[in-house]
Amino acid sequence: MPLRKILIADDHSLFRKGVSNLLKNEWPQIEIIEAANGFDTITQVKHHKPDVVLIDHSMPDLNGYEASQQLLKNHTNLKIIMLTGYDTMVVALNFLKIGGRGFSKRWC
């Protein structure tokens, strides 16, 4: 199934815009949705039903792990990939245990 919608969840707007531009340059037909915190991520997933969520671990109000945990309870097939500056095995393993699909250390 081709990707149609990607949600980028990060509290840094410059990072969101940069990733969005990279994705749009490679796949111009993809719709990009943005969220600035965990609560906004949950709302955007319910409203837009993205194919993939790229989420930061450290966000205000509700962090990426907690938001992912809530999302995966109700959207078991949702593909969530965590992009984060936290490069610890504990964070990665906990995320994968709740159903996360991938984990990568953020490059900036």
PDB file of N, CA and C in Angstrom:
ATOM      1  N   MET A   1       0.844  -1.177   0.000  1.00  0.00           N
ATOM      2  CA  MET A   1       0.000   0.000   0.000  1.00  0.00           C
ATOM      3  C   MET A   1       0.893   1.246   0.000  1.00  0.00           C
ATOM      4  N   PRO A   2       0.708   2.138  -0.955  1.00  0.00           N
ATOM      5  CA  PRO A   2       1.540   3.342  -1.015  1.00  0.00           C
ATOM      6  C   PRO A   2       1.228   4.313   0.123  1.00  0.00           C
ATOM      7  N   LEU A   3       2.250   5.035   0.520  1.00  0.00           N
ATOM      8  CA  LEU A   3       2.063   6.058   1.549  1.00  0.00           C
ATOM      9  C   LEU A   3       1.320   7.247   0.961  1.00  0.00           C
ATOM     10  N   ARG A   4       0.305   7.703   1.693  1.00  0.00           N
ATOM     11  CA  ARG A   4      -0.444   8.885   1.255  1.00  0.00           C
ATOM     12  C   ARG A   4      -0.310  10.024   2.244  1.00  0.00           C
ATOM     13  N   LYS A   5      -0.225   9.681   3.545  1.00  0.00           N
ATOM     14  CA  LYS A   5      -0.179  10.713   4.586  1.00  0.00           C
ATOM     15  C   LYS A   5       0.865  10.351   5.632  1.00  0.00           C
ATOM     16  N   ILE A   6       1.668  11.341   5.983  1.00  0.00           N
ATOM     17  CA  ILE A   6       2.667  11.181   7.044  1.00  0.00           C
ATOM     18  C   ILE A   6       2.474  12.301   8.043  1.00  0.00           C
ATOM     19  N   LEU A   7       2.443  11.948   9.310  1.00  0.00           N
ATOM     20  CA  LEU A   7       2.352  12.946  10.377  1.00  0.00           C
ATOM     21  C   LEU A   7       3.730  13.090  11.005  1.00  0.00           C
ATOM     22  N   ILE A   8       4.209  14.319  11.104  1.00  0.00           N
ATOM     23  CA  ILE A   8       5.482  14.622  11.747  1.00  0.00           C
ATOM     24  C   ILE A   8       5.170  15.310  13.069  1.00  0.00           C
ATOM     25  N   ALA A   9       5.555  14.680  14.175  1.00  0.00           N
ATOM     26  CA  ALA A   9       5.264  15.210  15.508  1.00  0.00           C
ATOM     27  C   ALA A   9       6.569  15.567  16.214  1.00  0.00           C
ATOM     28  N   ASP A  10       6.787  16.852  16.376  1.00  0.00           N
ATOM     29  CA  ASP A  10       7.995  17.351  17.040  1.00  0.00           C
ATOM     30  C   ASP A  10       7.711  18.759  17.526  1.00  0.00           C
ATOM     31  N   ASP A  11       8.232  19.110  18.683  1.00  0.00           N
ATOM     32  CA  ASP A  11       7.970  20.441  19.221  1.00  0.00           C
ATOM     33  C   ASP A  11       8.849  21.523  18.590  1.00  0.00           C
ATOM     34  N   HIS A  12       9.788  21.154  17.766  1.00  0.00           N
ATOM     35  CA  HIS A  12      10.635  22.128  17.077  1.00  0.00           C
ATOM     36  C   HIS A  12      10.128  22.323  15.651  1.00  0.00           C
ATOM     37  N   SER A  13       9.566  23.483  15.376  1.00  0.00           N
ATOM     38  CA  SER A  13       8.964  23.735  14.063  1.00  0.00           C
ATOM     39  C   SER A  13       9.988  23.658  12.938  1.00  0.00           C
ATOM     40  N   LEU A  14      11.214  24.084  13.192  1.00  0.00           N
ATOM     41  CA  LEU A  14      12.250  24.030  12.166  1.00  0.00           C
ATOM     42  C   LEU A  14      12.531  22.581  11.761  1.00  0.00           C
ATOM     43  N   PHE A  15      12.563  21.682  12.726  1.00  0.00           N
ATOM     44  CA  PHE A  15      12.767  20.267  12.427  1.00  0.00           C
ATOM     45  C   PHE A  15      11.596  19.712  11.613  1.00  0.00           C
ATOM     46  N   ARG A  16      10.363  20.035  12.043  1.00  0.00           N
ATOM     47  CA  ARG A  16       9.181  19.558  11.308  1.00  0.00           C
ATOM     48  C   ARG A  16       9.213  20.034   9.864  1.00  0.00           C
ATOM     49  N   LYS A  17       9.500  21.312   9.672  1.00  0.00           N
ATOM     50  CA  LYS A  17       9.519  21.881   8.312  1.00  0.00           C
ATOM     51  C   LYS A  17      10.629  21.251   7.471  1.00  0.00           C
ATOM     52  N   GLY A  18      11.785  21.013   8.086  1.00  0.00           N
ATOM     53  CA  GLY A  18      12.894  20.394   7.358  1.00  0.00           C
ATOM     54  C   GLY A  18      12.568  18.984   6.894  1.00  0.00           C
ATOM     55  N   VAL A  19      12.022  18.173   7.784  1.00  0.00           N
ATOM     56  CA  VAL A  19      11.639  16.807   7.419  1.00  0.00           C
ATOM     57  C   VAL A  19      10.522  16.840   6.381  1.00  0.00           C
ATOM     58  N   SER A  20       9.576  17.729   6.571  1.00  0.00           N
ATOM     59  CA  SER A  20       8.477  17.871   5.616  1.00  0.00           C
ATOM     60  C   SER A  20       9.007  18.200   4.222  1.00  0.00           C
ATOM     61  N   ASN A  21       9.929  19.139   4.131  1.00  0.00           N
ATOM     62  CA  ASN A  21      10.505  19.519   2.834  1.00  0.00           C
ATOM     63  C   ASN A  21      11.264  18.361   2.193  1.00  0.00           C
ATOM     64  N   LEU A  22      12.022  17.624   3.001  1.00  0.00           N
ATOM     65  CA  LEU A  22      12.740  16.464   2.466  1.00  0.00           C
ATOM     66  C   LEU A  22      11.776  15.431   1.894  1.00  0.00           C
ATOM     67  N   LEU A  23      10.721  15.142   2.620  1.00  0.00           N
ATOM     68  CA  LEU A  23       9.739  14.157   2.167  1.00  0.00           C
ATOM     69  C   LEU A  23       8.996  14.633   0.920  1.00  0.00           C
ATOM     70  N   LYS A  24       8.596  15.899   0.905  1.00  0.00           N
ATOM     71  CA  LYS A  24       7.869  16.450  -0.248  1.00  0.00           C
ATOM     72  C   LYS A  24       8.753  16.483  -1.509  1.00  0.00           C
ATOM     73  N   ASN A  25      10.045  16.741  -1.326  1.00  0.00           N
ATOM     74  CA  ASN A  25      10.950  16.731  -2.477  1.00  0.00           C
ATOM     75  C   ASN A  25      11.055  15.332  -3.080  1.00  0.00           C
ATOM     76  N   GLU A  26      11.035  14.328  -2.237  1.00  0.00           N
ATOM     77  CA  GLU A  26      11.159  12.947  -2.707  1.00  0.00           C
ATOM     78  C   GLU A  26       9.831  12.385  -3.208  1.00  0.00           C
ATOM     79  N   TRP A  27       8.747  12.705  -2.504  1.00  0.00           N
ATOM     80  CA  TRP A  27       7.410  12.198  -2.828  1.00  0.00           C
ATOM     81  C   TRP A  27       6.408  13.358  -2.816  1.00  0.00           C
ATOM     82  N   PRO A  28       6.317  14.120  -3.896  1.00  0.00           N
ATOM     83  CA  PRO A  28       5.466  15.319  -3.919  1.00  0.00           C
ATOM     84  C   PRO A  28       3.981  15.046  -3.687  1.00  0.00           C
ATOM     85  N   GLN A  29       3.530  13.840  -3.934  1.00  0.00           N
ATOM     86  CA  GLN A  29       2.112  13.518  -3.782  1.00  0.00           C
ATOM     87  C   GLN A  29       1.707  13.253  -2.326  1.00  0.00           C
ATOM     88  N   ILE A  30       2.655  13.118  -1.431  1.00  0.00           N
ATOM     89  CA  ILE A  30       2.341  12.793  -0.036  1.00  0.00           C
ATOM     90  C   ILE A  30       1.808  14.019   0.703  1.00  0.00           C
ATOM     91  N   GLU A  31       0.764  13.799   1.483  1.00  0.00           N
ATOM     92  CA  GLU A  31       0.235  14.845   2.363  1.00  0.00           C
ATOM     93  C   GLU A  31       0.996  14.788   3.683  1.00  0.00           C
ATOM     94  N   ILE A  32       1.498  15.924   4.113  1.00  0.00           N
ATOM     95  CA  ILE A  32       2.232  16.014   5.369  1.00  0.00           C
ATOM     96  C   ILE A  32       1.359  16.731   6.390  1.00  0.00           C
ATOM     97  N   ILE A  33       1.215  16.113   7.553  1.00  0.00           N
ATOM     98  CA  ILE A  33       0.480  16.706   8.664  1.00  0.00           C
ATOM     99  C   ILE A  33       1.502  16.943   9.769  1.00  0.00           C
ATOM    100  N   GLU A  34       1.342  18.023  10.517  1.00  0.00           N
ATOM    101  CA  GLU A  34       2.293  18.342  11.580  1.00  0.00           C
ATOM    102  C   GLU A  34       1.595  18.439  12.924  1.00  0.00           C
ATOM    103  N   ALA A  35       2.346  18.100  13.976  1.00  0.00           N
ATOM    104  CA  ALA A  35       1.870  18.231  15.351  1.00  0.00           C
ATOM    105  C   ALA A  35       3.038  18.694  16.215  1.00  0.00           C
ATOM    106  N   ALA A  36       2.746  19.560  17.206  1.00  0.00           N
ATOM    107  CA  ALA A  36       3.799  20.154  18.025  1.00  0.00           C
ATOM    108  C   ALA A  36       3.928  19.536  19.411  1.00  0.00           C
ATOM    109  N   ASN A  37       2.989  18.665  19.796  1.00  0.00           N
ATOM    110  CA  ASN A  37       3.084  17.992  21.099  1.00  0.00           C
ATOM    111  C   ASN A  37       2.271  16.699  21.049  1.00  0.00           C
ATOM    112  N   GLY A  38       2.312  15.953  22.123  1.00  0.00           N
ATOM    113  CA  GLY A  38       1.640  14.660  22.159  1.00  0.00           C
ATOM    114  C   GLY A  38       0.135  14.744  22.015  1.00  0.00           C
ATOM    115  N   PHE A  39      -0.492  15.720  22.677  1.00  0.00           N
ATOM    116  CA  PHE A  39      -1.947  15.864  22.579  1.00  0.00           C
ATOM    117  C   PHE A  39      -2.370  16.211  21.150  1.00  0.00           C
ATOM    118  N   ASP A  40      -1.615  17.120  20.529  1.00  0.00           N
ATOM    119  CA  ASP A  40      -1.894  17.502  19.149  1.00  0.00           C
ATOM    120  C   ASP A  40      -1.711  16.303  18.214  1.00  0.00           C
ATOM    121  N   THR A  41      -0.724  15.478  18.493  1.00  0.00           N
ATOM    122  CA  THR A  41      -0.483  14.269  17.695  1.00  0.00           C
ATOM    123  C   THR A  41      -1.696  13.356  17.720  1.00  0.00           C
ATOM    124  N   ILE A  42      -2.240  13.117  18.910  1.00  0.00           N
ATOM    125  CA  ILE A  42      -3.414  12.252  19.054  1.00  0.00           C
ATOM    126  C   ILE A  42      -4.594  12.825  18.262  1.00  0.00           C
ATOM    127  N   THR A  43      -4.811  14.127  18.377  1.00  0.00           N
ATOM    128  CA  THR A  43      -5.898  14.780  17.643  1.00  0.00           C
ATOM    129  C   THR A  43      -5.702  14.648  16.135  1.00  0.00           C
ATOM    130  N   GLN A  44      -4.488  14.898  15.671  1.00  0.00           N
ATOM    131  CA  GLN A  44      -4.209  14.837  14.232  1.00  0.00           C
ATOM    132  C   GLN A  44      -4.356  13.418  13.681  1.00  0.00           C
ATOM    133  N   VAL A  45      -3.965  12.408  14.455  1.00  0.00           N
ATOM    134  CA  VAL A  45      -4.122  11.021  14.008  1.00  0.00           C
ATOM    135  C   VAL A  45      -5.604  10.695  13.861  1.00  0.00           C
ATOM    136  N   LYS A  46      -6.409  11.098  14.842  1.00  0.00           N
ATOM    137  CA  LYS A  46      -7.847  10.825  14.769  1.00  0.00           C
ATOM    138  C   LYS A  46      -8.490  11.527  13.569  1.00  0.00           C
ATOM    139  N   HIS A  47      -8.071  12.746  13.312  1.00  0.00           N
ATOM    140  CA  HIS A  47      -8.674  13.545  12.240  1.00  0.00           C
ATOM    141  C   HIS A  47      -8.183  13.140  10.844  1.00  0.00           C
ATOM    142  N   HIS A  48      -6.866  12.923  10.689  1.00  0.00           N
ATOM    143  CA  HIS A  48      -6.285  12.711   9.360  1.00  0.00           C
ATOM    144  C   HIS A  48      -6.004  11.247   9.010  1.00  0.00           C
ATOM    145  N   LYS A  49      -5.918  10.378  10.007  1.00  0.00           N
ATOM    146  CA  LYS A  49      -5.628   8.959   9.784  1.00  0.00           C
ATOM    147  C   LYS A  49      -4.388   8.752   8.898  1.00  0.00           C
ATOM    148  N   PRO A  50      -3.222   9.183   9.378  1.00  0.00           N
ATOM    149  CA  PRO A  50      -2.001   9.038   8.579  1.00  0.00           C
ATOM    150  C   PRO A  50      -1.576   7.574   8.453  1.00  0.00           C
ATOM    151  N   ASP A  51      -0.774   7.299   7.431  1.00  0.00           N
ATOM    152  CA  ASP A  51      -0.219   5.964   7.230  1.00  0.00           C
ATOM    153  C   ASP A  51       0.963   5.722   8.168  1.00  0.00           C
ATOM    154  N   VAL A  52       1.726   6.781   8.419  1.00  0.00           N
ATOM    155  CA  VAL A  52       2.920   6.696   9.257  1.00  0.00           C
ATOM    156  C   VAL A  52       3.001   7.943  10.134  1.00  0.00           C
ATOM    157  N   VAL A  53       3.477   7.749  11.363  1.00  0.00           N
ATOM    158  CA  VAL A  53       3.745   8.867  12.274  1.00  0.00           C
ATOM    159  C   VAL A  53       5.238   8.853  12.595  1.00  0.00           C
ATOM    160  N   LEU A  54       5.911   9.968  12.366  1.00  0.00           N
ATOM    161  CA  LEU A  54       7.294  10.171  12.800  1.00  0.00           C
ATOM    162  C   LEU A  54       7.203  11.043  14.037  1.00  0.00           C
ATOM    163  N   ILE A  55       7.637  10.518  15.179  1.00  0.00           N
ATOM    164  CA  ILE A  55       7.388  11.224  16.439  1.00  0.00           C
ATOM    165  C   ILE A  55       8.667  11.394  17.247  1.00  0.00           C
ATOM    166  N   ASP A  56       8.790  12.547  17.856  1.00  0.00           N
ATOM    167  CA  ASP A  56       9.898  12.845  18.767  1.00  0.00           C
ATOM    168  C   ASP A  56       9.550  12.312  20.151  1.00  0.00           C
ATOM    169  N   HIS A  57      10.537  11.885  20.886  1.00  0.00           N
ATOM    170  CA  HIS A  57      10.299  11.396  22.243  1.00  0.00           C
ATOM    171  C   HIS A  57       9.995  12.538  23.208  1.00  0.00           C
ATOM    172  N   SER A  58      10.802  13.577  23.137  1.00  0.00           N
ATOM    173  CA  SER A  58      10.710  14.662  24.113  1.00  0.00           C
ATOM    174  C   SER A  58       9.903  15.831  23.564  1.00  0.00           C
ATOM    175  N   MET A  59       8.625  15.900  23.992  1.00  0.00           N
ATOM    176  CA  MET A  59       7.742  16.999  23.595  1.00  0.00           C
ATOM    177  C   MET A  59       7.002  17.470  24.841  1.00  0.00           C
ATOM    178  N   PRO A  60       6.551  18.720  24.850  1.00  0.00           N
ATOM    179  CA  PRO A  60       5.837  19.236  26.016  1.00  0.00           C
ATOM    180  C   PRO A  60       4.443  18.622  26.155  1.00  0.00           C
ATOM    181  N   ASP A  61       3.904  18.734  27.337  1.00  0.00           N
ATOM    182  CA  ASP A  61       2.539  18.328  27.678  1.00  0.00           C
ATOM    183  C   ASP A  61       2.369  16.809  27.724  1.00  0.00           C
ATOM    184  N   LEU A  62       2.659  16.130  26.645  1.00  0.00           N
ATOM    185  CA  LEU A  62       2.562  14.672  26.573  1.00  0.00           C
ATOM    186  C   LEU A  62       3.687  14.228  25.651  1.00  0.00           C
ATOM    187  N   ASN A  63       4.650  13.457  26.192  1.00  0.00           N
ATOM    188  CA  ASN A  63       5.803  13.125  25.353  1.00  0.00           C
ATOM    189  C   ASN A  63       5.445  12.092  24.282  1.00  0.00           C
ATOM    190  N   GLY A  64       6.363  11.867  23.367  1.00  0.00           N
ATOM    191  CA  GLY A  64       6.113  10.988  22.235  1.00  0.00           C
ATOM    192  C   GLY A  64       5.843   9.548  22.632  1.00  0.00           C
ATOM    193  N   TYR A  65       6.516   9.069  23.673  1.00  0.00           N
ATOM    194  CA  TYR A  65       6.280   7.705  24.148  1.00  0.00           C
ATOM    195  C   TYR A  65       4.850   7.571  24.670  1.00  0.00           C
ATOM    196  N   GLU A  66       4.441   8.509  25.523  1.00  0.00           N
ATOM    197  CA  GLU A  66       3.088   8.456  26.095  1.00  0.00           C
ATOM    198  C   GLU A  66       2.015   8.607  25.015  1.00  0.00           C
ATOM    199  N   ALA A  67       2.243   9.508  24.066  1.00  0.00           N
ATOM    200  CA  ALA A  67       1.285   9.683  22.965  1.00  0.00           C
ATOM    201  C   ALA A  67       1.203   8.411  22.134  1.00  0.00           C
ATOM    202  N   SER A  68       2.341   7.810  21.847  1.00  0.00           N
ATOM    203  CA  SER A  68       2.369   6.568  21.070  1.00  0.00           C
ATOM    204  C   SER A  68       1.635   5.455  21.800  1.00  0.00           C
ATOM    205  N   GLN A  69       1.855   5.367  23.088  1.00  0.00           N
ATOM    206  CA  GLN A  69       1.186   4.349  23.906  1.00  0.00           C
ATOM    207  C   GLN A  69      -0.331   4.489  23.800  1.00  0.00           C
ATOM    208  N   GLN A  70      -0.829   5.705  23.916  1.00  0.00           N
ATOM    209  CA  GLN A  70      -2.271   5.946  23.797  1.00  0.00           C
ATOM    210  C   GLN A  70      -2.774   5.642  22.390  1.00  0.00           C
ATOM    211  N   LEU A  71      -2.036   6.074  21.388  1.00  0.00           N
ATOM    212  CA  LEU A  71      -2.459   5.853  20.002  1.00  0.00           C
ATOM    213  C   LEU A  71      -2.522   4.374  19.660  1.00  0.00           C
ATOM    214  N   LEU A  72      -1.524   3.619  20.090  1.00  0.00           N
ATOM    215  CA  LEU A  72      -1.460   2.210  19.718  1.00  0.00           C
ATOM    216  C   LEU A  72      -2.501   1.350  20.430  1.00  0.00           C
ATOM    217  N   LYS A  73      -3.097   1.860  21.490  1.00  0.00           N
ATOM    218  CA  LYS A  73      -4.204   1.145  22.139  1.00  0.00           C
ATOM    219  C   LYS A  73      -5.431   1.127  21.233  1.00  0.00           C
ATOM    220  N   ASN A  74      -5.678   2.225  20.533  1.00  0.00           N
ATOM    221  CA  ASN A  74      -6.869   2.363  19.693  1.00  0.00           C
ATOM    222  C   ASN A  74      -6.604   2.177  18.207  1.00  0.00           C
ATOM    223  N   HIS A  75      -5.347   2.276  17.797  1.00  0.00           N
ATOM    224  CA  HIS A  75      -4.976   2.165  16.380  1.00  0.00           C
ATOM    225  C   HIS A  75      -3.834   1.152  16.282  1.00  0.00           C
ATOM    226  N   THR A  76      -4.152  -0.110  16.482  1.00  0.00           N
ATOM    227  CA  THR A  76      -3.119  -1.145  16.595  1.00  0.00           C
ATOM    228  C   THR A  76      -2.289  -1.316  15.321  1.00  0.00           C
ATOM    229  N   ASN A  77      -2.810  -0.934  14.179  1.00  0.00           N
ATOM    230  CA  ASN A  77      -2.067  -1.068  12.919  1.00  0.00           C
ATOM    231  C   ASN A  77      -1.289   0.187  12.545  1.00  0.00           C
ATOM    232  N   LEU A  78      -1.373   1.222  13.363  1.00  0.00           N
ATOM    233  CA  LEU A  78      -0.675   2.472  13.067  1.00  0.00           C
ATOM    234  C   LEU A  78       0.833   2.251  13.122  1.00  0.00           C
ATOM    235  N   LYS A  79       1.529   2.750  12.129  1.00  0.00           N
ATOM    236  CA  LYS A  79       2.987   2.640  12.073  1.00  0.00           C
ATOM    237  C   LYS A  79       3.587   3.915  12.664  1.00  0.00           C
ATOM    238  N   ILE A  80       4.289   3.764  13.787  1.00  0.00           N
ATOM    239  CA  ILE A  80       4.916   4.906  14.440  1.00  0.00           C
ATOM    240  C   ILE A  80       6.414   4.647  14.513  1.00  0.00           C
ATOM    241  N   ILE A  81       7.172   5.639  14.077  1.00  0.00           N
ATOM    242  CA  ILE A  81       8.629   5.582  14.140  1.00  0.00           C
ATOM    243  C   ILE A  81       9.089   6.738  15.012  1.00  0.00           C
ATOM    244  N   MET A  82       9.904   6.426  16.008  1.00  0.00           N
ATOM    245  CA  MET A  82      10.397   7.465  16.905  1.00  0.00           C
ATOM    246  C   MET A  82      11.745   7.977  16.415  1.00  0.00           C
ATOM    247  N   LEU A  83      11.822   9.277  16.216  1.00  0.00           N
ATOM    248  CA  LEU A  83      13.069   9.964  15.880  1.00  0.00           C
ATOM    249  C   LEU A  83      13.421  10.820  17.081  1.00  0.00           C
ATOM    250  N   THR A  84      14.548  10.556  17.705  1.00  0.00           N
ATOM    251  CA  THR A  84      14.840  11.253  18.950  1.00  0.00           C
ATOM    252  C   THR A  84      16.324  11.441  19.183  1.00  0.00           C
ATOM    253  N   GLY A  85      16.643  12.394  20.001  1.00  0.00           N
ATOM    254  CA  GLY A  85      18.011  12.605  20.429  1.00  0.00           C
ATOM    255  C   GLY A  85      18.405  11.674  21.563  1.00  0.00           C
ATOM    256  N   TYR A  86      17.424  10.997  22.157  1.00  0.00           N
ATOM    257  CA  TYR A  86      17.702  10.043  23.230  1.00  0.00           C
ATOM    258  C   TYR A  86      18.202   8.750  22.615  1.00  0.00           C
ATOM    259  N   ASP A  87      19.461   8.464  22.828  1.00  0.00           N
ATOM    260  CA  ASP A  87      20.076   7.293  22.206  1.00  0.00           C
ATOM    261  C   ASP A  87      20.319   6.229  23.270  1.00  0.00           C
ATOM    262  N   THR A  88      19.259   5.803  23.927  1.00  0.00           N
ATOM    263  CA  THR A  88      19.432   4.775  24.946  1.00  0.00           C
ATOM    264  C   THR A  88      18.648   3.533  24.573  1.00  0.00           C
ATOM    265  N   MET A  89      19.197   2.413  24.930  1.00  0.00           N
ATOM    266  CA  MET A  89      18.546   1.133  24.656  1.00  0.00           C
ATOM    267  C   MET A  89      17.218   1.029  25.390  1.00  0.00           C
ATOM    268  N   VAL A  90      17.131   1.580  26.602  1.00  0.00           N
ATOM    269  CA  VAL A  90      15.893   1.500  27.390  1.00  0.00           C
ATOM    270  C   VAL A  90      14.749   2.214  26.667  1.00  0.00           C
ATOM    271  N   VAL A  91      14.999   3.426  26.179  1.00  0.00           N
ATOM    272  CA  VAL A  91      13.968   4.182  25.458  1.00  0.00           C
ATOM    273  C   VAL A  91      13.538   3.406  24.213  1.00  0.00           C
ATOM    274  N   ALA A  92      14.495   2.907  23.449  1.00  0.00           N
ATOM    275  CA  ALA A  92      14.186   2.177  22.216  1.00  0.00           C
ATOM    276  C   ALA A  92      13.389   0.908  22.517  1.00  0.00           C
ATOM    277  N   LEU A  93      13.840   0.120  23.468  1.00  0.00           N
ATOM    278  CA  LEU A  93      13.150  -1.138  23.775  1.00  0.00           C
ATOM    279  C   LEU A  93      11.748  -0.908  24.324  1.00  0.00           C
ATOM    280  N   ASN A  94      11.598   0.076  25.195  1.00  0.00           N
ATOM    281  CA  ASN A  94      10.256   0.379  25.714  1.00  0.00           C
ATOM    282  C   ASN A  94       9.313   0.803  24.593  1.00  0.00           C
ATOM    283  N   PHE A  95       9.817   1.599  23.667  1.00  0.00           N
ATOM    284  CA  PHE A  95       8.998   2.038  22.544  1.00  0.00           C
ATOM    285  C   PHE A  95       8.599   0.849  21.662  1.00  0.00           C
ATOM    286  N   LEU A  96       9.543  -0.011  21.371  1.00  0.00           N
ATOM    287  CA  LEU A  96       9.239  -1.174  20.535  1.00  0.00           C
ATOM    288  C   LEU A  96       8.293  -2.146  21.236  1.00  0.00           C
ATOM    289  N   LYS A  97       8.395  -2.253  22.553  1.00  0.00           N
ATOM    290  CA  LYS A  97       7.513  -3.144  23.324  1.00  0.00           C
ATOM    291  C   LYS A  97       6.045  -2.731  23.236  1.00  0.00           C
ATOM    292  N   ILE A  98       5.778  -1.433  23.123  1.00  0.00           N
ATOM    293  CA  ILE A  98       4.378  -0.991  23.058  1.00  0.00           C
ATOM    294  C   ILE A  98       3.816  -1.059  21.639  1.00  0.00           C
ATOM    295  N   GLY A  99       4.651  -1.435  20.668  1.00  0.00           N
ATOM    296  CA  GLY A  99       4.163  -1.574  19.299  1.00  0.00           C
ATOM    297  C   GLY A  99       4.754  -0.595  18.307  1.00  0.00           C
ATOM    298  N   GLY A 100       5.725   0.213  18.756  1.00  0.00           N
ATOM    299  CA  GLY A 100       6.401   1.115  17.830  1.00  0.00           C
ATOM    300  C   GLY A 100       7.075   0.317  16.732  1.00  0.00           C
ATOM    301  N   ARG A 101       7.160   0.884  15.543  1.00  0.00           N
ATOM    302  CA  ARG A 101       7.692   0.147  14.393  1.00  0.00           C
ATOM    303  C   ARG A 101       9.167   0.412  14.121  1.00  0.00           C
ATOM    304  N   GLY A 102       9.708   1.476  14.687  1.00  0.00           N
ATOM    305  CA  GLY A 102      11.108   1.776  14.441  1.00  0.00           C
ATOM    306  C   GLY A 102      11.590   2.881  15.366  1.00  0.00           C
ATOM    307  N   PHE A 103      12.912   2.952  15.513  1.00  0.00           N
ATOM    308  CA  PHE A 103      13.527   3.906  16.419  1.00  0.00           C
ATOM    309  C   PHE A 103      14.812   4.362  15.790  1.00  0.00           C
ATOM    310  N   SER A 104      15.018   5.669  15.743  1.00  0.00           N
ATOM    311  CA  SER A 104      16.245   6.199  15.158  1.00  0.00           C
ATOM    312  C   SER A 104      16.705   7.428  15.927  1.00  0.00           C
ATOM    313  N   LYS A 105      17.996   7.507  16.139  1.00  0.00           N
ATOM    314  CA  LYS A 105      18.572   8.703  16.763  1.00  0.00           C
ATOM    315  C   LYS A 105      18.464   9.837  15.762  1.00  0.00           C
ATOM    316  N   ARG A 106      17.884  10.944  16.228  1.00  0.00           N
ATOM    317  CA  ARG A 106      17.709  12.126  15.389  1.00  0.00           C
ATOM    318  C   ARG A 106      19.072  12.690  15.039  1.00  0.00           C
ATOM    319  N   TRP A 107      19.210  13.139  13.805  1.00  0.00           N
ATOM    320  CA  TRP A 107      20.496  13.634  13.305  1.00  0.00           C
ATOM    321  C   TRP A 107      20.773  15.073  13.652  1.00  0.00           C
ATOM    322  N   CYS A 108      19.849  15.763  14.315  1.00  0.00           N
ATOM    323  CA  CYS A 108      20.123  17.153  14.710  1.00  0.00           C
ATOM    324  C   CYS A 108      19.540  17.419  16.081  1.00  0.00           C
TER     325      CYS A 108
END
